[in-house]
């Protein structure tokens, strides 16, 4: 599946990275991609929760911080985690076309037999 997904260390998650147009990918491969994507999407809410917990921890430190330079650093970290959460929410809402169109009746027949 690595051909269709790339690990993003910032999000600690695989993200789609299709090198071809969706219509150029075989129906069988599309199904595999969608299946993998659903597993990845399923991990997003827990990843968001981890980042939210990190923000809360940083905000607690911010509340007690008196040094201006350290305050700015903590605020930058909070902003970074908030940005990650935003990116994850966008990815979570990404719904690839779940309806897989078969290019020919023969492909449809093959797909139906595989079920």
N, C-alpha and C. Protein backbone atom coordinates (compact mmCIF):
# COMPACT_ATOMS: atom_id res chain seq x y z
N UNK A 1 0.82 -1.20 0.00
CA UNK A 1 0.00 0.00 0.00
C UNK A 1 0.86 1.26 0.00
N UNK A 2 2.14 1.12 0.23
CA UNK A 2 3.02 2.27 0.28
C UNK A 2 3.03 3.08 -1.00
N UNK A 3 2.67 2.45 -2.12
CA UNK A 3 2.65 3.18 -3.38
C UNK A 3 1.56 4.24 -3.39
N UNK A 4 0.55 4.08 -2.57
CA UNK A 4 -0.59 4.99 -2.59
C UNK A 4 -0.65 5.90 -1.36
N UNK A 5 0.17 5.63 -0.36
CA UNK A 5 0.15 6.41 0.87
C UNK A 5 1.58 6.75 1.29
N UNK A 6 1.73 7.91 1.90
CA UNK A 6 3.03 8.35 2.39
C UNK A 6 2.90 8.68 3.86
N UNK A 7 3.87 8.24 4.65
CA UNK A 7 3.85 8.55 6.07
C UNK A 7 4.19 10.02 6.28
N UNK A 8 3.36 10.71 7.05
CA UNK A 8 3.58 12.11 7.41
C UNK A 8 3.99 12.15 8.87
N UNK A 9 5.27 12.41 9.16
CA UNK A 9 5.72 12.39 10.55
C UNK A 9 5.08 13.49 11.40
N UNK A 10 4.71 14.60 10.79
CA UNK A 10 4.07 15.69 11.53
C UNK A 10 2.72 15.25 12.08
N UNK A 11 1.97 14.50 11.27
CA UNK A 11 0.65 14.03 11.69
C UNK A 11 0.73 12.63 12.30
N UNK A 12 1.87 11.98 12.16
CA UNK A 12 2.07 10.61 12.62
C UNK A 12 1.00 9.70 12.03
N UNK A 13 0.86 9.81 10.69
CA UNK A 13 -0.22 9.12 9.99
C UNK A 13 0.14 8.98 8.52
N UNK A 14 -0.37 7.94 7.89
CA UNK A 14 -0.21 7.81 6.44
C UNK A 14 -1.25 8.70 5.76
N UNK A 15 -0.81 9.40 4.74
CA UNK A 15 -1.74 10.24 3.98
C UNK A 15 -1.73 9.79 2.52
N UNK A 16 -2.86 9.97 1.83
CA UNK A 16 -2.92 9.56 0.42
C UNK A 16 -1.91 10.34 -0.42
N UNK A 17 -1.28 9.64 -1.33
CA UNK A 17 -0.36 10.28 -2.27
C UNK A 17 -0.44 9.54 -3.60
N UNK A 18 -1.56 9.72 -4.26
CA UNK A 18 -1.78 9.04 -5.53
C UNK A 18 -0.89 9.64 -6.60
N UNK A 19 -0.21 8.78 -7.33
CA UNK A 19 0.69 9.25 -8.38
C UNK A 19 0.00 9.27 -9.74
N UNK A 20 -1.21 8.75 -9.79
CA UNK A 20 -1.99 8.73 -11.03
C UNK A 20 -3.40 9.21 -10.74
N UNK A 21 -4.10 9.55 -11.80
CA UNK A 21 -5.50 9.93 -11.67
C UNK A 21 -6.30 8.71 -11.20
N UNK A 22 -7.32 8.96 -10.40
CA UNK A 22 -8.17 7.90 -9.87
C UNK A 22 -8.71 7.01 -10.98
N UNK A 23 -9.12 7.62 -12.08
CA UNK A 23 -9.71 6.86 -13.19
C UNK A 23 -8.69 5.96 -13.88
N UNK A 24 -7.41 6.22 -13.69
CA UNK A 24 -6.37 5.40 -14.32
C UNK A 24 -6.00 4.18 -13.47
N UNK A 25 -6.54 4.10 -12.28
CA UNK A 25 -6.22 3.01 -11.36
C UNK A 25 -7.26 1.91 -11.54
N UNK A 26 -6.81 0.67 -11.55
CA UNK A 26 -7.74 -0.45 -11.75
C UNK A 26 -8.77 -0.50 -10.62
N UNK A 27 -9.90 -1.09 -10.92
CA UNK A 27 -10.98 -1.20 -9.95
C UNK A 27 -10.51 -1.97 -8.71
N UNK A 28 -9.80 -3.05 -8.93
CA UNK A 28 -9.30 -3.85 -7.81
C UNK A 28 -8.38 -3.03 -6.92
N UNK A 29 -7.49 -2.27 -7.55
CA UNK A 29 -6.56 -1.44 -6.78
C UNK A 29 -7.31 -0.32 -6.06
N UNK A 30 -8.32 0.25 -6.70
CA UNK A 30 -9.13 1.30 -6.05
C UNK A 30 -9.76 0.76 -4.77
N UNK A 31 -10.28 -0.46 -4.85
CA UNK A 31 -10.90 -1.06 -3.68
C UNK A 31 -9.89 -1.24 -2.55
N UNK A 32 -8.69 -1.66 -2.89
CA UNK A 32 -7.64 -1.82 -1.88
C UNK A 32 -7.27 -0.47 -1.26
N UNK A 33 -7.19 0.55 -2.10
CA UNK A 33 -6.85 1.89 -1.62
C UNK A 33 -7.94 2.38 -0.67
N UNK A 34 -9.20 2.22 -1.06
CA UNK A 34 -10.31 2.67 -0.22
C UNK A 34 -10.35 1.91 1.10
N UNK A 35 -10.08 0.62 1.05
CA UNK A 35 -10.07 -0.18 2.27
C UNK A 35 -8.96 0.30 3.22
N UNK A 36 -7.79 0.55 2.67
CA UNK A 36 -6.68 1.05 3.50
C UNK A 36 -7.01 2.44 4.04
N UNK A 37 -7.59 3.28 3.20
CA UNK A 37 -7.93 4.64 3.62
C UNK A 37 -8.91 4.62 4.78
N UNK A 38 -9.87 3.72 4.76
CA UNK A 38 -10.83 3.65 5.86
C UNK A 38 -10.15 3.26 7.17
N UNK A 39 -9.15 2.39 7.09
CA UNK A 39 -8.39 2.05 8.30
C UNK A 39 -7.62 3.27 8.80
N UNK A 40 -7.01 4.00 7.88
CA UNK A 40 -6.26 5.21 8.26
C UNK A 40 -7.22 6.23 8.88
N UNK A 41 -8.35 6.46 8.22
CA UNK A 41 -9.35 7.42 8.73
C UNK A 41 -9.81 7.04 10.12
N UNK A 42 -9.93 5.75 10.38
CA UNK A 42 -10.37 5.29 11.68
C UNK A 42 -9.42 5.66 12.81
N UNK A 43 -8.16 5.88 12.47
CA UNK A 43 -7.16 6.25 13.49
C UNK A 43 -7.11 7.75 13.75
N UNK A 44 -7.74 8.54 12.90
CA UNK A 44 -7.65 9.99 13.02
C UNK A 44 -8.24 10.53 14.32
N UNK A 45 -9.44 10.12 14.75
CA UNK A 45 -9.98 10.68 16.00
C UNK A 45 -9.06 10.48 17.21
N UNK A 46 -8.43 9.32 17.32
CA UNK A 46 -7.53 9.11 18.47
C UNK A 46 -6.29 9.97 18.35
N UNK A 47 -5.82 10.20 17.14
CA UNK A 47 -4.67 11.08 16.92
C UNK A 47 -5.03 12.51 17.32
N UNK A 48 -6.24 12.94 16.97
CA UNK A 48 -6.71 14.28 17.36
C UNK A 48 -6.75 14.39 18.88
N UNK A 49 -7.26 13.36 19.53
CA UNK A 49 -7.32 13.38 21.00
C UNK A 49 -5.94 13.52 21.63
N UNK A 50 -4.96 12.82 21.07
CA UNK A 50 -3.59 12.94 21.58
C UNK A 50 -3.06 14.37 21.44
N UNK A 51 -3.32 14.97 20.29
CA UNK A 51 -2.86 16.35 20.06
C UNK A 51 -3.60 17.33 20.97
N UNK A 52 -4.89 17.09 21.20
CA UNK A 52 -5.64 17.96 22.11
C UNK A 52 -5.08 17.86 23.53
N UNK A 53 -4.73 16.66 23.94
CA UNK A 53 -4.14 16.47 25.28
C UNK A 53 -2.80 17.21 25.38
N UNK A 54 -2.03 17.17 24.31
CA UNK A 54 -0.75 17.87 24.30
C UNK A 54 -0.98 19.39 24.41
N UNK A 55 -1.99 19.90 23.72
CA UNK A 55 -2.32 21.33 23.81
C UNK A 55 -2.70 21.70 25.24
N UNK A 56 -3.52 20.87 25.87
CA UNK A 56 -3.92 21.14 27.27
C UNK A 56 -2.71 21.16 28.19
N UNK A 57 -1.79 20.24 27.97
CA UNK A 57 -0.57 20.20 28.77
C UNK A 57 0.25 21.49 28.57
N UNK A 58 0.40 21.89 27.33
CA UNK A 58 1.15 23.12 27.03
C UNK A 58 0.46 24.35 27.60
N UNK A 59 -0.87 24.39 27.54
CA UNK A 59 -1.59 25.52 28.10
C UNK A 59 -1.42 25.59 29.62
N UNK A 60 -1.35 24.43 30.25
CA UNK A 60 -1.07 24.40 31.69
C UNK A 60 0.29 25.00 32.00
N UNK A 61 1.28 24.65 31.19
CA UNK A 61 2.62 25.22 31.36
C UNK A 61 2.60 26.73 31.09
N UNK A 62 1.84 27.12 30.08
CA UNK A 62 1.73 28.54 29.73
C UNK A 62 1.16 29.36 30.88
N UNK A 63 0.19 28.79 31.55
CA UNK A 63 -0.49 29.48 32.64
C UNK A 63 0.48 29.87 33.76
N UNK A 64 1.51 29.07 33.95
CA UNK A 64 2.46 29.31 35.04
C UNK A 64 3.79 29.90 34.57
N UNK A 65 3.95 30.07 33.26
CA UNK A 65 5.23 30.56 32.73
C UNK A 65 5.35 32.08 32.91
N UNK A 66 6.50 32.51 33.37
CA UNK A 66 6.74 33.94 33.57
C UNK A 66 7.75 34.51 32.58
N UNK A 67 8.57 33.66 31.99
CA UNK A 67 9.58 34.14 31.05
C UNK A 67 8.95 34.31 29.66
N UNK A 68 9.10 35.52 29.10
CA UNK A 68 8.46 35.86 27.83
C UNK A 68 8.91 34.95 26.69
N UNK A 69 10.20 34.69 26.58
CA UNK A 69 10.71 33.83 25.51
C UNK A 69 10.12 32.43 25.57
N UNK A 70 10.03 31.89 26.77
CA UNK A 70 9.45 30.56 26.94
C UNK A 70 7.95 30.58 26.64
N UNK A 71 7.29 31.68 27.00
CA UNK A 71 5.86 31.83 26.70
C UNK A 71 5.63 31.78 25.19
N UNK A 72 6.46 32.50 24.44
CA UNK A 72 6.32 32.50 22.98
C UNK A 72 6.57 31.10 22.40
N UNK A 73 7.55 30.41 22.94
CA UNK A 73 7.85 29.06 22.47
C UNK A 73 6.66 28.12 22.73
N UNK A 74 6.08 28.21 23.91
CA UNK A 74 4.92 27.38 24.23
C UNK A 74 3.73 27.71 23.33
N UNK A 75 3.54 29.01 23.06
CA UNK A 75 2.43 29.42 22.18
C UNK A 75 2.65 28.89 20.76
N UNK A 76 3.90 28.90 20.30
CA UNK A 76 4.21 28.35 18.98
C UNK A 76 3.88 26.86 18.93
N UNK A 77 4.20 26.15 20.00
CA UNK A 77 3.90 24.72 20.06
C UNK A 77 2.39 24.46 20.05
N UNK A 78 1.65 25.27 20.79
CA UNK A 78 0.19 25.14 20.81
C UNK A 78 -0.36 25.38 19.40
N UNK A 79 0.15 26.41 18.74
CA UNK A 79 -0.29 26.72 17.38
C UNK A 79 0.01 25.56 16.43
N UNK A 80 1.18 24.95 16.58
CA UNK A 80 1.56 23.83 15.72
C UNK A 80 0.60 22.65 15.92
N UNK A 81 0.30 22.32 17.17
CA UNK A 81 -0.62 21.21 17.43
C UNK A 81 -2.03 21.53 16.93
N UNK A 82 -2.45 22.78 17.08
CA UNK A 82 -3.77 23.17 16.57
C UNK A 82 -3.82 23.03 15.05
N UNK A 83 -2.73 23.38 14.39
CA UNK A 83 -2.65 23.24 12.94
C UNK A 83 -2.73 21.77 12.54
N UNK A 84 -2.07 20.91 13.30
CA UNK A 84 -2.13 19.47 13.02
C UNK A 84 -3.56 18.95 13.16
N UNK A 85 -4.24 19.41 14.20
CA UNK A 85 -5.64 18.99 14.40
C UNK A 85 -6.49 19.44 13.23
N UNK A 86 -6.29 20.66 12.78
CA UNK A 86 -7.03 21.16 11.62
C UNK A 86 -6.77 20.28 10.39
N UNK A 87 -5.51 19.96 10.14
CA UNK A 87 -5.17 19.11 8.99
C UNK A 87 -5.82 17.73 9.12
N UNK A 88 -5.81 17.18 10.33
CA UNK A 88 -6.43 15.87 10.53
C UNK A 88 -7.94 15.93 10.32
N UNK A 89 -8.58 17.01 10.76
CA UNK A 89 -10.02 17.16 10.53
C UNK A 89 -10.33 17.23 9.05
N UNK A 90 -9.50 17.92 8.30
CA UNK A 90 -9.70 18.00 6.85
C UNK A 90 -9.55 16.60 6.24
N UNK A 91 -8.51 15.88 6.64
CA UNK A 91 -8.32 14.52 6.12
C UNK A 91 -9.48 13.61 6.51
N UNK A 92 -9.95 13.75 7.73
CA UNK A 92 -11.05 12.89 8.19
C UNK A 92 -12.31 13.11 7.36
N UNK A 93 -12.55 14.35 6.97
CA UNK A 93 -13.74 14.66 6.17
C UNK A 93 -13.56 14.31 4.70
N UNK A 94 -12.34 13.98 4.30
CA UNK A 94 -12.09 13.61 2.91
C UNK A 94 -12.74 12.27 2.64
N UNK A 95 -13.69 12.27 1.75
CA UNK A 95 -14.41 11.05 1.40
C UNK A 95 -14.11 10.73 -0.06
N UNK A 96 -13.20 9.82 -0.31
CA UNK A 96 -12.98 9.44 -1.71
C UNK A 96 -14.25 8.83 -2.26
N UNK A 97 -14.39 8.89 -3.54
CA UNK A 97 -15.58 8.36 -4.18
C UNK A 97 -15.74 6.89 -3.83
N UNK A 98 -16.66 6.61 -2.93
CA UNK A 98 -16.86 5.24 -2.48
C UNK A 98 -17.52 4.39 -3.56
N UNK A 99 -18.17 5.04 -4.50
CA UNK A 99 -18.79 4.31 -5.59
C UNK A 99 -17.72 4.07 -6.65
N UNK A 100 -17.35 2.85 -6.81
CA UNK A 100 -16.29 2.52 -7.77
C UNK A 100 -16.95 2.21 -9.10
N UNK A 101 -16.66 3.05 -10.06
CA UNK A 101 -17.22 2.85 -11.39
C UNK A 101 -16.38 1.82 -12.13
N UNK A 102 -17.05 0.89 -12.74
CA UNK A 102 -16.35 -0.12 -13.53
C UNK A 102 -16.31 0.37 -14.96
N UNK A 103 -15.14 0.33 -15.55
CA UNK A 103 -14.94 0.90 -16.87
C UNK A 103 -15.67 0.14 -17.96
N UNK A 104 -15.82 -1.15 -17.79
CA UNK A 104 -16.49 -1.95 -18.81
C UNK A 104 -17.43 -2.94 -18.12
N UNK A 105 -18.41 -3.45 -18.86
CA UNK A 105 -19.29 -4.48 -18.28
C UNK A 105 -18.50 -5.71 -17.82
N UNK A 106 -17.43 -6.03 -18.54
CA UNK A 106 -16.60 -7.18 -18.18
C UNK A 106 -15.96 -6.96 -16.80
N UNK A 107 -15.49 -5.74 -16.53
CA UNK A 107 -14.92 -5.43 -15.22
C UNK A 107 -15.98 -5.55 -14.13
N UNK A 108 -17.19 -5.08 -14.42
CA UNK A 108 -18.29 -5.19 -13.46
C UNK A 108 -18.57 -6.65 -13.16
N UNK A 109 -18.61 -7.46 -14.21
CA UNK A 109 -18.88 -8.89 -14.03
C UNK A 109 -17.78 -9.53 -13.19
N UNK A 110 -16.53 -9.20 -13.47
CA UNK A 110 -15.40 -9.74 -12.70
C UNK A 110 -15.52 -9.32 -11.23
N UNK A 111 -15.85 -8.06 -11.01
CA UNK A 111 -16.00 -7.55 -9.65
C UNK A 111 -17.11 -8.30 -8.91
N UNK A 112 -18.24 -8.50 -9.59
CA UNK A 112 -19.37 -9.18 -8.96
C UNK A 112 -19.02 -10.62 -8.59
N UNK A 113 -18.22 -11.29 -9.42
CA UNK A 113 -17.82 -12.67 -9.13
C UNK A 113 -16.88 -12.74 -7.94
N UNK A 114 -16.08 -11.70 -7.71
CA UNK A 114 -15.12 -11.71 -6.61
C UNK A 114 -15.79 -11.53 -5.25
N UNK A 115 -16.99 -11.02 -5.22
CA UNK A 115 -17.68 -10.77 -3.95
C UNK A 115 -18.02 -12.03 -3.22
